[in-house]
Amino acid sequence: MTWTDEDLVARSRGGDVDSFNQLILRWERPIYALAYRVIGREEDARDVCQETFLRAFRALPGFKGQAKFSSWLYRIALNLCRDWVRRQRRTPVVETPEGVNPLDFAAEHEPAESIEELVSRRELSAAVEEAMALLPEEQRTAIILKEYHEMTFQEIAELQGCPLSTVKTRLYQGLTVLRRHLERQGMAPVARKT
């Protein structure tokens, strides 16, 4: 039987540590991927991911269930990422771990592709990462949540604590900067999901 997040949260609040471990297994990769995309450093993203679950576990008795567990968890992770960026007082720069494509951490298995397609995809990924590092934090976060984590505008607005129109503006402006940067690099413009 597959338990919902709400079921696992209720069981965890009742003292079932195994249920919280199931939540960690379910959400560890998406939270790590979010932290990695915002911070850009593997070790620091791991630390943020670990701290996210530690804080969630400690705060679980106070979790009212007014928002989805995943939204609550993303909010904790984003706040920790913002704190890290402020402490570092620098723009995140993506350091790709040796021999690993960071997008593979959260990606589903893809069909086999030719060497040309693989090289082209990696070049595009590198160009997107470079352009993302140029964006202000709010725009970068809006794009990450919408495009990589497939959140709705409303979910992003709630996470960022801003009006829906602000999220849409941040996303539009950020994607415009990305598209221009990719065009200057000779890459095809990013196709937006609808």
N, C-alpha and C. Protein backbone atom coordinates (compact mmCIF):
# COMPACT_ATOMS: atom_id res chain seq x y z
N MET A 1 0.83 -1.18 0.00
CA MET A 1 0.00 0.00 0.00
C MET A 1 0.88 1.25 0.00
N THR A 2 0.54 2.20 -0.84
CA THR A 2 1.28 3.45 -0.91
C THR A 2 0.56 4.50 -0.07
N TRP A 3 1.27 5.05 0.90
CA TRP A 3 0.71 6.06 1.78
C TRP A 3 0.85 7.43 1.14
N THR A 4 -0.14 8.30 1.35
CA THR A 4 -0.03 9.69 0.89
C THR A 4 0.88 10.44 1.85
N ASP A 5 1.32 11.63 1.44
CA ASP A 5 2.13 12.46 2.34
C ASP A 5 1.36 12.74 3.63
N GLU A 6 0.08 13.02 3.48
CA GLU A 6 -0.75 13.35 4.66
C GLU A 6 -0.81 12.17 5.63
N ASP A 7 -0.95 10.96 5.09
CA ASP A 7 -0.96 9.76 5.94
C ASP A 7 0.36 9.61 6.68
N LEU A 8 1.47 9.78 5.94
CA LEU A 8 2.78 9.63 6.54
C LEU A 8 3.05 10.71 7.59
N VAL A 9 2.58 11.93 7.32
CA VAL A 9 2.75 13.01 8.30
C VAL A 9 1.98 12.67 9.57
N ALA A 10 0.75 12.22 9.43
CA ALA A 10 -0.07 11.87 10.59
C ALA A 10 0.59 10.75 11.40
N ARG A 11 1.10 9.74 10.71
CA ARG A 11 1.76 8.64 11.40
C ARG A 11 3.06 9.12 12.07
N SER A 12 3.78 10.02 11.40
CA SER A 12 5.02 10.56 11.97
C SER A 12 4.73 11.36 13.23
N ARG A 13 3.67 12.15 13.17
CA ARG A 13 3.29 12.95 14.34
C ARG A 13 2.88 12.04 15.50
N GLY A 14 2.43 10.85 15.18
CA GLY A 14 2.06 9.88 16.20
C GLY A 14 3.25 9.10 16.74
N GLY A 15 4.47 9.44 16.26
CA GLY A 15 5.67 8.80 16.78
C GLY A 15 6.28 7.74 15.89
N ASP A 16 5.72 7.51 14.71
CA ASP A 16 6.25 6.49 13.80
C ASP A 16 7.40 7.08 12.98
N VAL A 17 8.62 6.83 13.42
CA VAL A 17 9.81 7.37 12.76
C VAL A 17 9.96 6.81 11.35
N ASP A 18 9.55 5.57 11.14
CA ASP A 18 9.62 4.95 9.82
C ASP A 18 8.82 5.74 8.78
N SER A 19 7.70 6.30 9.20
CA SER A 19 6.87 7.10 8.28
C SER A 19 7.61 8.36 7.85
N PHE A 20 8.32 8.98 8.79
CA PHE A 20 9.09 10.17 8.41
C PHE A 20 10.23 9.78 7.48
N ASN A 21 10.82 8.63 7.70
CA ASN A 21 11.87 8.15 6.79
C ASN A 21 11.31 7.95 5.38
N GLN A 22 10.07 7.49 5.28
CA GLN A 22 9.43 7.36 3.96
C GLN A 22 9.27 8.72 3.29
N LEU A 23 8.92 9.74 4.07
CA LEU A 23 8.82 11.10 3.53
C LEU A 23 10.19 11.59 3.03
N ILE A 24 11.23 11.28 3.78
CA ILE A 24 12.58 11.66 3.36
C ILE A 24 12.91 10.97 2.04
N LEU A 25 12.67 9.67 1.96
CA LEU A 25 12.95 8.94 0.71
C LEU A 25 12.17 9.52 -0.47
N ARG A 26 10.95 9.93 -0.23
CA ARG A 26 10.09 10.46 -1.28
C ARG A 26 10.54 11.84 -1.75
N TRP A 27 11.01 12.69 -0.83
CA TRP A 27 11.26 14.10 -1.15
C TRP A 27 12.73 14.49 -1.17
N GLU A 28 13.64 13.58 -0.85
CA GLU A 28 15.06 13.92 -0.78
C GLU A 28 15.61 14.40 -2.12
N ARG A 29 15.34 13.69 -3.18
CA ARG A 29 15.88 14.08 -4.50
C ARG A 29 15.35 15.42 -4.97
N PRO A 30 14.02 15.67 -4.90
CA PRO A 30 13.53 16.99 -5.33
C PRO A 30 14.08 18.14 -4.47
N ILE A 31 14.20 17.92 -3.17
CA ILE A 31 14.72 18.98 -2.30
C ILE A 31 16.21 19.21 -2.57
N TYR A 32 16.96 18.14 -2.76
CA TYR A 32 18.37 18.28 -3.11
C TYR A 32 18.52 19.01 -4.45
N ALA A 33 17.71 18.61 -5.43
CA ALA A 33 17.79 19.24 -6.75
C ALA A 33 17.48 20.73 -6.66
N LEU A 34 16.48 21.09 -5.87
CA LEU A 34 16.16 22.50 -5.67
C LEU A 34 17.35 23.23 -5.05
N ALA A 35 17.90 22.69 -3.98
CA ALA A 35 19.03 23.32 -3.31
C ALA A 35 20.23 23.44 -4.24
N TYR A 36 20.48 22.40 -5.02
CA TYR A 36 21.62 22.43 -5.94
C TYR A 36 21.45 23.51 -7.01
N ARG A 37 20.23 23.63 -7.51
CA ARG A 37 19.98 24.62 -8.56
C ARG A 37 20.05 26.04 -8.02
N VAL A 38 19.67 26.24 -6.78
CA VAL A 38 19.72 27.58 -6.19
C VAL A 38 21.14 27.92 -5.75
N ILE A 39 21.80 26.99 -5.07
CA ILE A 39 23.12 27.24 -4.49
C ILE A 39 24.23 26.97 -5.49
N GLY A 40 24.12 25.86 -6.22
CA GLY A 40 25.11 25.55 -7.24
C GLY A 40 26.33 24.80 -6.75
N ARG A 41 26.31 24.35 -5.51
CA ARG A 41 27.46 23.60 -4.98
C ARG A 41 26.94 22.33 -4.33
N GLU A 42 27.51 21.21 -4.75
CA GLU A 42 27.02 19.89 -4.34
C GLU A 42 27.02 19.71 -2.82
N GLU A 43 28.15 19.97 -2.18
CA GLU A 43 28.27 19.75 -0.75
C GLU A 43 27.30 20.64 0.04
N ASP A 44 27.21 21.90 -0.33
CA ASP A 44 26.31 22.82 0.36
C ASP A 44 24.85 22.45 0.12
N ALA A 45 24.54 21.98 -1.08
CA ALA A 45 23.16 21.54 -1.37
C ALA A 45 22.81 20.33 -0.51
N ARG A 46 23.76 19.42 -0.31
CA ARG A 46 23.52 18.27 0.57
C ARG A 46 23.25 18.73 2.00
N ASP A 47 24.04 19.70 2.46
CA ASP A 47 23.84 20.24 3.81
C ASP A 47 22.47 20.88 3.96
N VAL A 48 22.06 21.66 2.96
CA VAL A 48 20.75 22.31 3.00
C VAL A 48 19.64 21.25 2.99
N CYS A 49 19.80 20.23 2.19
CA CYS A 49 18.81 19.16 2.12
C CYS A 49 18.68 18.48 3.49
N GLN A 50 19.80 18.15 4.08
CA GLN A 50 19.79 17.50 5.39
C GLN A 50 19.15 18.40 6.44
N GLU A 51 19.52 19.68 6.44
CA GLU A 51 18.96 20.63 7.41
C GLU A 51 17.46 20.82 7.19
N THR A 52 17.02 20.76 5.94
CA THR A 52 15.59 20.88 5.64
C THR A 52 14.80 19.79 6.35
N PHE A 53 15.26 18.56 6.22
CA PHE A 53 14.54 17.45 6.85
C PHE A 53 14.66 17.47 8.37
N LEU A 54 15.80 17.91 8.87
CA LEU A 54 15.97 18.03 10.31
C LEU A 54 14.98 19.06 10.88
N ARG A 55 14.89 20.22 10.22
CA ARG A 55 13.95 21.25 10.68
C ARG A 55 12.51 20.80 10.53
N ALA A 56 12.22 20.12 9.43
CA ALA A 56 10.85 19.62 9.24
C ALA A 56 10.49 18.64 10.34
N PHE A 57 11.41 17.75 10.68
CA PHE A 57 11.14 16.76 11.73
C PHE A 57 10.88 17.45 13.07
N ARG A 58 11.71 18.43 13.38
CA ARG A 58 11.55 19.16 14.64
C ARG A 58 10.24 19.95 14.68
N ALA A 59 9.84 20.50 13.53
CA ALA A 59 8.64 21.34 13.48
C ALA A 59 7.37 20.56 13.19
N LEU A 60 7.49 19.27 12.94
CA LEU A 60 6.34 18.45 12.57
C LEU A 60 5.16 18.55 13.56
N PRO A 61 5.41 18.59 14.86
CA PRO A 61 4.27 18.71 15.78
C PRO A 61 3.45 19.99 15.55
N GLY A 62 4.08 21.03 15.04
CA GLY A 62 3.38 22.29 14.78
C GLY A 62 2.80 22.40 13.38
N PHE A 63 3.06 21.40 12.54
CA PHE A 63 2.54 21.43 11.16
C PHE A 63 1.04 21.23 11.20
N LYS A 64 0.30 22.22 10.73
CA LYS A 64 -1.17 22.20 10.82
C LYS A 64 -1.84 21.54 9.62
N GLY A 65 -1.09 21.34 8.56
CA GLY A 65 -1.68 20.73 7.38
C GLY A 65 -2.49 21.71 6.54
N GLN A 66 -2.31 23.01 6.78
CA GLN A 66 -3.03 24.01 5.98
C GLN A 66 -2.49 24.09 4.56
N ALA A 67 -1.23 23.74 4.40
CA ALA A 67 -0.61 23.65 3.08
C ALA A 67 -0.21 22.19 2.88
N LYS A 68 0.08 21.83 1.64
CA LYS A 68 0.57 20.48 1.39
C LYS A 68 1.93 20.31 2.07
N PHE A 69 2.22 19.10 2.49
CA PHE A 69 3.51 18.82 3.11
C PHE A 69 4.64 19.23 2.19
N SER A 70 4.51 18.92 0.89
CA SER A 70 5.59 19.24 -0.06
C SER A 70 5.81 20.75 -0.14
N SER A 71 4.74 21.53 -0.12
CA SER A 71 4.88 23.00 -0.17
C SER A 71 5.59 23.49 1.09
N TRP A 72 5.23 22.94 2.23
CA TRP A 72 5.85 23.31 3.49
C TRP A 72 7.35 22.97 3.46
N LEU A 73 7.67 21.79 2.93
CA LEU A 73 9.05 21.35 2.84
C LEU A 73 9.85 22.24 1.88
N TYR A 74 9.26 22.57 0.73
CA TYR A 74 9.93 23.47 -0.22
C TYR A 74 10.18 24.83 0.42
N ARG A 75 9.24 25.33 1.22
CA ARG A 75 9.42 26.63 1.86
C ARG A 75 10.61 26.58 2.82
N ILE A 76 10.71 25.52 3.59
CA ILE A 76 11.85 25.37 4.50
C ILE A 76 13.15 25.37 3.70
N ALA A 77 13.19 24.58 2.63
CA ALA A 77 14.40 24.47 1.81
C ALA A 77 14.76 25.82 1.18
N LEU A 78 13.76 26.52 0.64
CA LEU A 78 14.03 27.83 0.02
C LEU A 78 14.57 28.82 1.03
N ASN A 79 13.99 28.82 2.21
CA ASN A 79 14.48 29.73 3.25
C ASN A 79 15.93 29.42 3.62
N LEU A 80 16.25 28.14 3.73
CA LEU A 80 17.64 27.75 4.02
C LEU A 80 18.58 28.14 2.88
N CYS A 81 18.11 27.99 1.64
CA CYS A 81 18.93 28.39 0.48
C CYS A 81 19.18 29.90 0.49
N ARG A 82 18.13 30.67 0.77
CA ARG A 82 18.29 32.13 0.84
C ARG A 82 19.28 32.51 1.93
N ASP A 83 19.18 31.85 3.08
CA ASP A 83 20.12 32.13 4.17
C ASP A 83 21.54 31.82 3.73
N TRP A 84 21.73 30.70 3.04
CA TRP A 84 23.06 30.32 2.59
C TRP A 84 23.61 31.37 1.62
N VAL A 85 22.79 31.78 0.65
CA VAL A 85 23.23 32.77 -0.34
C VAL A 85 23.59 34.08 0.35
N ARG A 86 22.77 34.51 1.31
CA ARG A 86 23.08 35.75 2.05
C ARG A 86 24.39 35.62 2.82
N ARG A 87 24.58 34.48 3.46
CA ARG A 87 25.82 34.27 4.22
C ARG A 87 27.04 34.31 3.29
N GLN A 88 26.90 33.74 2.14
CA GLN A 88 28.03 33.69 1.20
C GLN A 88 28.26 35.03 0.52
N ARG A 89 27.20 35.85 0.47
CA ARG A 89 27.26 37.18 -0.16
C ARG A 89 27.87 37.12 -1.57
N ARG A 90 27.42 36.14 -2.30
CA ARG A 90 27.89 36.01 -3.68
C ARG A 90 26.81 35.35 -4.51
N THR A 91 26.93 35.51 -5.79
CA THR A 91 26.01 34.87 -6.71
C THR A 91 26.39 33.41 -6.82
N PRO A 92 25.41 32.50 -6.74
CA PRO A 92 25.74 31.08 -6.85
C PRO A 92 26.38 30.76 -8.21
N VAL A 93 27.39 29.94 -8.16
CA VAL A 93 28.03 29.47 -9.38
C VAL A 93 27.94 27.95 -9.36
N VAL A 94 27.44 27.40 -10.43
CA VAL A 94 27.25 25.95 -10.47
C VAL A 94 28.59 25.26 -10.67
N GLU A 95 28.92 24.39 -9.71
CA GLU A 95 30.10 23.54 -9.82
C GLU A 95 29.59 22.13 -10.09
N THR A 96 29.82 21.64 -11.26
CA THR A 96 29.34 20.30 -11.59
C THR A 96 30.26 19.26 -10.97
N PRO A 97 29.70 18.33 -10.20
CA PRO A 97 30.53 17.26 -9.63
C PRO A 97 31.22 16.49 -10.74
N GLU A 98 32.38 15.99 -10.45
CA GLU A 98 33.17 15.29 -11.45
C GLU A 98 32.40 14.13 -12.06
N GLY A 99 32.23 14.18 -13.38
CA GLY A 99 31.59 13.09 -14.11
C GLY A 99 30.08 13.00 -13.95
N VAL A 100 29.44 14.05 -13.39
CA VAL A 100 28.00 13.99 -13.14
C VAL A 100 27.33 15.22 -13.73
N ASN A 101 26.22 14.99 -14.42
CA ASN A 101 25.39 16.08 -14.91
C ASN A 101 24.37 16.40 -13.82
N PRO A 102 24.35 17.62 -13.27
CA PRO A 102 23.46 17.93 -12.15
C PRO A 102 21.99 17.73 -12.47
N LEU A 103 21.61 17.86 -13.70
CA LEU A 103 20.20 17.69 -14.05
C LEU A 103 19.78 16.23 -13.96
N ASP A 104 20.75 15.31 -13.96
CA ASP A 104 20.43 13.90 -13.84
C ASP A 104 19.94 13.53 -12.44
N PHE A 105 20.24 14.37 -11.44
CA PHE A 105 19.81 14.06 -10.08
C PHE A 105 18.30 13.97 -9.97
N ALA A 106 17.58 14.84 -10.66
CA ALA A 106 16.12 14.87 -10.53
C ALA A 106 15.42 14.37 -11.78
N ALA A 107 16.18 14.03 -12.80
CA ALA A 107 15.57 13.65 -14.07
C ALA A 107 15.07 12.21 -14.04
N GLU A 108 14.03 11.98 -14.81
CA GLU A 108 13.53 10.62 -15.02
C GLU A 108 14.47 9.95 -16.02
N HIS A 109 14.36 8.64 -16.15
CA HIS A 109 15.17 7.95 -17.15
C HIS A 109 14.72 8.40 -18.53
N GLU A 110 15.68 8.73 -19.36
CA GLU A 110 15.38 9.20 -20.70
C GLU A 110 15.72 8.10 -21.70
N PRO A 111 15.05 8.10 -22.86
CA PRO A 111 15.38 7.11 -23.86
C PRO A 111 16.82 7.31 -24.35
N ALA A 112 17.38 6.24 -24.87
CA ALA A 112 18.74 6.32 -25.39
C ALA A 112 18.84 7.41 -26.45
N GLU A 113 19.96 8.13 -26.43
CA GLU A 113 20.14 9.19 -27.41
C GLU A 113 21.50 9.04 -28.06
N SER A 114 21.63 9.66 -29.22
CA SER A 114 22.89 9.57 -29.93
C SER A 114 23.93 10.45 -29.24
N ILE A 115 25.19 10.27 -29.60
CA ILE A 115 26.28 11.06 -29.03
C ILE A 115 26.05 12.54 -29.35
N GLU A 116 25.61 12.84 -30.58
CA GLU A 116 25.36 14.23 -30.97
C GLU A 116 24.26 14.86 -30.12
N GLU A 117 23.20 14.09 -29.86
CA GLU A 117 22.11 14.59 -29.03
C GLU A 117 22.57 14.81 -27.59
N LEU A 118 23.37 13.88 -27.09
CA LEU A 118 23.88 13.99 -25.72
C LEU A 118 24.77 15.23 -25.58
N VAL A 119 25.69 15.42 -26.51
CA VAL A 119 26.58 16.58 -26.47
C VAL A 119 25.78 17.86 -26.58
N SER A 120 24.83 17.90 -27.48
CA SER A 120 23.99 19.08 -27.67
C SER A 120 23.20 19.40 -26.39
N ARG A 121 22.65 18.37 -25.76
CA ARG A 121 21.87 18.57 -24.53
C ARG A 121 22.77 19.08 -23.41
N ARG A 122 23.96 18.53 -23.30
CA ARG A 122 24.89 18.98 -22.24
C ARG A 122 25.35 20.41 -22.49
N GLU A 123 25.59 20.77 -23.74
CA GLU A 123 25.98 22.15 -24.05
C GLU A 123 24.85 23.10 -23.70
N LEU A 124 23.63 22.72 -24.04
CA LEU A 124 22.48 23.55 -23.72
C LEU A 124 22.31 23.66 -22.20
N SER A 125 22.48 22.56 -21.47
CA SER A 125 22.38 22.58 -20.01
C SER A 125 23.41 23.52 -19.41
N ALA A 126 24.64 23.46 -19.92
CA ALA A 126 25.70 24.33 -19.41
C ALA A 126 25.37 25.80 -19.69
N ALA A 127 24.84 26.08 -20.88
CA ALA A 127 24.48 27.46 -21.23
C ALA A 127 23.32 27.95 -20.35
N VAL A 128 22.36 27.09 -20.07
CA VAL A 128 21.23 27.47 -19.21
C VAL A 128 21.73 27.74 -17.79
N GLU A 129 22.60 26.88 -17.27
CA GLU A 129 23.15 27.07 -15.92
C GLU A 129 23.91 28.38 -15.83
N GLU A 130 24.69 28.69 -16.86
CA GLU A 130 25.45 29.94 -16.90
C GLU A 130 24.50 31.14 -16.88
N ALA A 131 23.45 31.07 -17.68
CA ALA A 131 22.47 32.16 -17.74
C ALA A 131 21.69 32.28 -16.43
N MET A 132 21.36 31.14 -15.83
CA MET A 132 20.62 31.17 -14.56
C MET A 132 21.41 31.89 -13.47
N ALA A 133 22.73 31.72 -13.48
CA ALA A 133 23.58 32.36 -12.47
C ALA A 133 23.55 33.89 -12.60
N LEU A 134 23.16 34.39 -13.76
CA LEU A 134 23.11 35.84 -13.98
C LEU A 134 21.83 36.47 -13.43
N LEU A 135 20.81 35.64 -13.18
CA LEU A 135 19.50 36.15 -12.76
C LEU A 135 19.47 36.54 -11.29
N PRO A 136 18.64 37.53 -10.95
CA PRO A 136 18.41 37.81 -9.54
C PRO A 136 17.78 36.59 -8.87
N GLU A 137 17.98 36.45 -7.58
CA GLU A 137 17.52 35.28 -6.83
C GLU A 137 16.03 35.00 -7.02
N GLU A 138 15.19 36.04 -6.97
CA GLU A 138 13.75 35.85 -7.07
C GLU A 138 13.35 35.28 -8.43
N GLN A 139 13.96 35.76 -9.50
CA GLN A 139 13.66 35.24 -10.84
C GLN A 139 14.16 33.82 -10.99
N ARG A 140 15.37 33.57 -10.53
CA ARG A 140 15.96 32.23 -10.63
C ARG A 140 15.10 31.22 -9.87
N THR A 141 14.67 31.58 -8.67
CA THR A 141 13.85 30.68 -7.86
C THR A 141 12.51 30.42 -8.53
N ALA A 142 11.87 31.45 -9.07
CA ALA A 142 10.58 31.27 -9.75
C ALA A 142 10.72 30.31 -10.93
N ILE A 143 11.77 30.45 -11.70
CA ILE A 143 12.00 29.57 -12.85
C ILE A 143 12.26 28.14 -12.38
N ILE A 144 13.08 27.98 -11.38
CA ILE A 144 13.39 26.64 -10.86
C ILE A 144 12.12 25.95 -10.40
N LEU A 145 11.30 26.65 -9.63
CA LEU A 145 10.08 26.04 -9.10
C LEU A 145 9.07 25.72 -10.20
N LYS A 146 8.95 26.60 -11.18
CA LYS A 146 7.96 26.39 -12.25
C LYS A 146 8.44 25.36 -13.28
N GLU A 147 9.64 25.54 -13.77
CA GLU A 147 10.10 24.72 -14.89
C GLU A 147 10.69 23.38 -14.46
N TYR A 148 11.40 23.35 -13.34
CA TYR A 148 12.05 22.11 -12.92
C TYR A 148 11.19 21.30 -11.95
N HIS A 149 10.41 22.00 -11.11
CA HIS A 149 9.61 21.31 -10.11
C HIS A 149 8.12 21.34 -10.43
N GLU A 150 7.77 21.93 -11.57
CA GLU A 150 6.41 21.93 -12.12
C GLU A 150 5.35 22.40 -11.13
N MET A 151 5.69 23.40 -10.34
CA MET A 151 4.71 23.98 -9.42
C MET A 151 3.81 24.95 -10.17
N THR A 152 2.64 25.16 -9.63
CA THR A 152 1.73 26.14 -10.22
C THR A 152 2.15 27.54 -9.80
N PHE A 153 1.65 28.55 -10.51
CA PHE A 153 1.94 29.93 -10.13
C PHE A 153 1.46 30.19 -8.70
N GLN A 154 0.30 29.66 -8.36
CA GLN A 154 -0.27 29.87 -7.02
C GLN A 154 0.63 29.26 -5.95
N GLU A 155 1.13 28.05 -6.19
CA GLU A 155 2.03 27.41 -5.22
C GLU A 155 3.31 28.23 -5.03
N ILE A 156 3.83 28.74 -6.14
CA ILE A 156 5.06 29.55 -6.06
C ILE A 156 4.78 30.85 -5.30
N ALA A 157 3.64 31.48 -5.57
CA ALA A 157 3.28 32.71 -4.86
C ALA A 157 3.20 32.47 -3.36
N GLU A 158 2.61 31.35 -2.98
CA GLU A 158 2.50 31.02 -1.55
C GLU A 158 3.88 30.76 -0.95
N LEU A 159 4.73 30.05 -1.67
CA LEU A 159 6.08 29.77 -1.17
C LEU A 159 6.91 31.03 -1.03
N GLN A 160 6.79 31.93 -2.01
CA GLN A 160 7.60 33.13 -2.00
C GLN A 160 6.94 34.27 -1.23
N GLY A 161 5.69 34.07 -0.82
CA GLY A 161 4.99 35.09 -0.04
C GLY A 161 4.78 36.38 -0.81
N CYS A 162 4.36 36.24 -2.07
CA CYS A 162 4.14 37.42 -2.91
C CYS A 162 2.90 37.20 -3.76
N PRO A 163 2.37 38.28 -4.37
CA PRO A 163 1.19 38.14 -5.23
C PRO A 163 1.47 37.28 -6.47
N LEU A 164 0.40 36.69 -6.98
CA LEU A 164 0.48 35.86 -8.17
C LEU A 164 1.08 36.63 -9.35
N SER A 165 0.69 37.88 -9.50
CA SER A 165 1.20 38.70 -10.62
C SER A 165 2.71 38.90 -10.52
N THR A 166 3.23 39.00 -9.30
CA THR A 166 4.67 39.16 -9.11
C THR A 166 5.41 37.92 -9.58
N VAL A 167 4.88 36.75 -9.26
CA VAL A 167 5.50 35.49 -9.70
C VAL A 167 5.53 35.44 -11.23
N LYS A 168 4.41 35.77 -11.85
CA LYS A 168 4.34 35.73 -13.31
C LYS A 168 5.34 36.71 -13.93
N THR A 169 5.47 37.89 -13.34
CA THR A 169 6.42 38.88 -13.84
C THR A 169 7.85 38.39 -13.70
N ARG A 170 8.17 37.84 -12.52
CA ARG A 170 9.52 37.31 -12.30
C ARG A 170 9.85 36.21 -13.29
N LEU A 171 8.89 35.32 -13.51
CA LEU A 171 9.11 34.21 -14.44
C LEU A 171 9.30 34.73 -15.86
N TYR A 172 8.44 35.63 -16.29
CA TYR A 172 8.53 36.18 -17.65
C TYR A 172 9.86 36.91 -17.85
N GLN A 173 10.23 37.77 -16.89
CA GLN A 173 11.48 38.52 -17.04
C GLN A 173 12.69 37.59 -17.02
N GLY A 174 12.67 36.61 -16.13
CA GLY A 174 13.78 35.66 -16.07
C GLY A 174 13.92 34.84 -17.33
N LEU A 175 12.79 34.35 -17.85
CA LEU A 175 12.85 33.57 -19.09
C LEU A 175 13.28 34.42 -20.28
N THR A 176 12.92 35.69 -20.26
CA THR A 176 13.35 36.60 -21.33
C THR A 176 14.87 36.75 -21.30
N VAL A 177 15.44 36.93 -20.12
CA VAL A 177 16.90 37.04 -19.99
C VAL A 177 17.56 35.73 -20.44
N LEU A 178 16.99 34.60 -20.02
CA LEU A 178 17.54 33.30 -20.44
C LEU A 178 17.53 33.15 -21.95
N ARG A 179 16.38 33.46 -22.56
CA ARG A 179 16.25 33.32 -24.02
C ARG A 179 17.28 34.19 -24.74
N ARG A 180 17.43 35.44 -24.31
CA ARG A 180 18.40 36.35 -24.96
C ARG A 180 19.82 35.82 -24.81
N HIS A 181 20.14 35.33 -23.61
CA HIS A 181 21.48 34.80 -23.37
C HIS A 181 21.75 33.60 -24.28
N LEU A 182 20.77 32.70 -24.38
CA LEU A 182 20.94 31.52 -25.22
C LEU A 182 21.04 31.89 -26.70
N GLU A 183 20.28 32.88 -27.11
CA GLU A 183 20.37 33.32 -28.51
C GLU A 183 21.75 33.90 -28.80
N ARG A 184 22.30 34.67 -27.84
CA ARG A 184 23.65 35.22 -28.02
C ARG A 184 24.69 34.10 -28.08
N GLN A 185 24.43 32.98 -27.41
CA GLN A 185 25.33 31.83 -27.41
C GLN A 185 25.13 30.97 -28.68
N GLY A 186 24.13 31.32 -29.49
CA GLY A 186 23.85 30.55 -30.69
C GLY A 186 23.02 29.31 -30.42
N MET A 187 22.35 29.30 -29.27
CA MET A 187 21.50 28.17 -28.90
C MET A 187 20.05 28.51 -29.25
N ALA A 188 19.26 27.46 -29.45
CA ALA A 188 17.83 27.67 -29.71
C ALA A 188 17.18 28.23 -28.46
N PRO A 189 16.13 29.07 -28.62
CA PRO A 189 15.44 29.60 -27.46
C PRO A 189 14.76 28.48 -26.67
N VAL A 190 14.61 28.70 -25.35
CA VAL A 190 13.99 27.72 -24.47
C VAL A 190 12.51 27.65 -24.77
N ALA A 191 12.00 26.45 -25.01
CA ALA A 191 10.56 26.24 -25.22
C ALA A 191 9.89 26.21 -23.86
N ARG A 192 8.89 27.06 -23.66
CA ARG A 192 8.19 27.13 -22.37
C ARG A 192 7.11 26.11 -22.30
N LYS A 193 6.96 25.50 -21.12
CA LYS A 193 5.84 24.59 -20.87
C LYS A 193 4.62 25.44 -20.65
N THR A 194 3.47 24.92 -21.03
CA THR A 194 2.23 25.65 -20.78
C THR A 194 1.38 24.95 -19.77
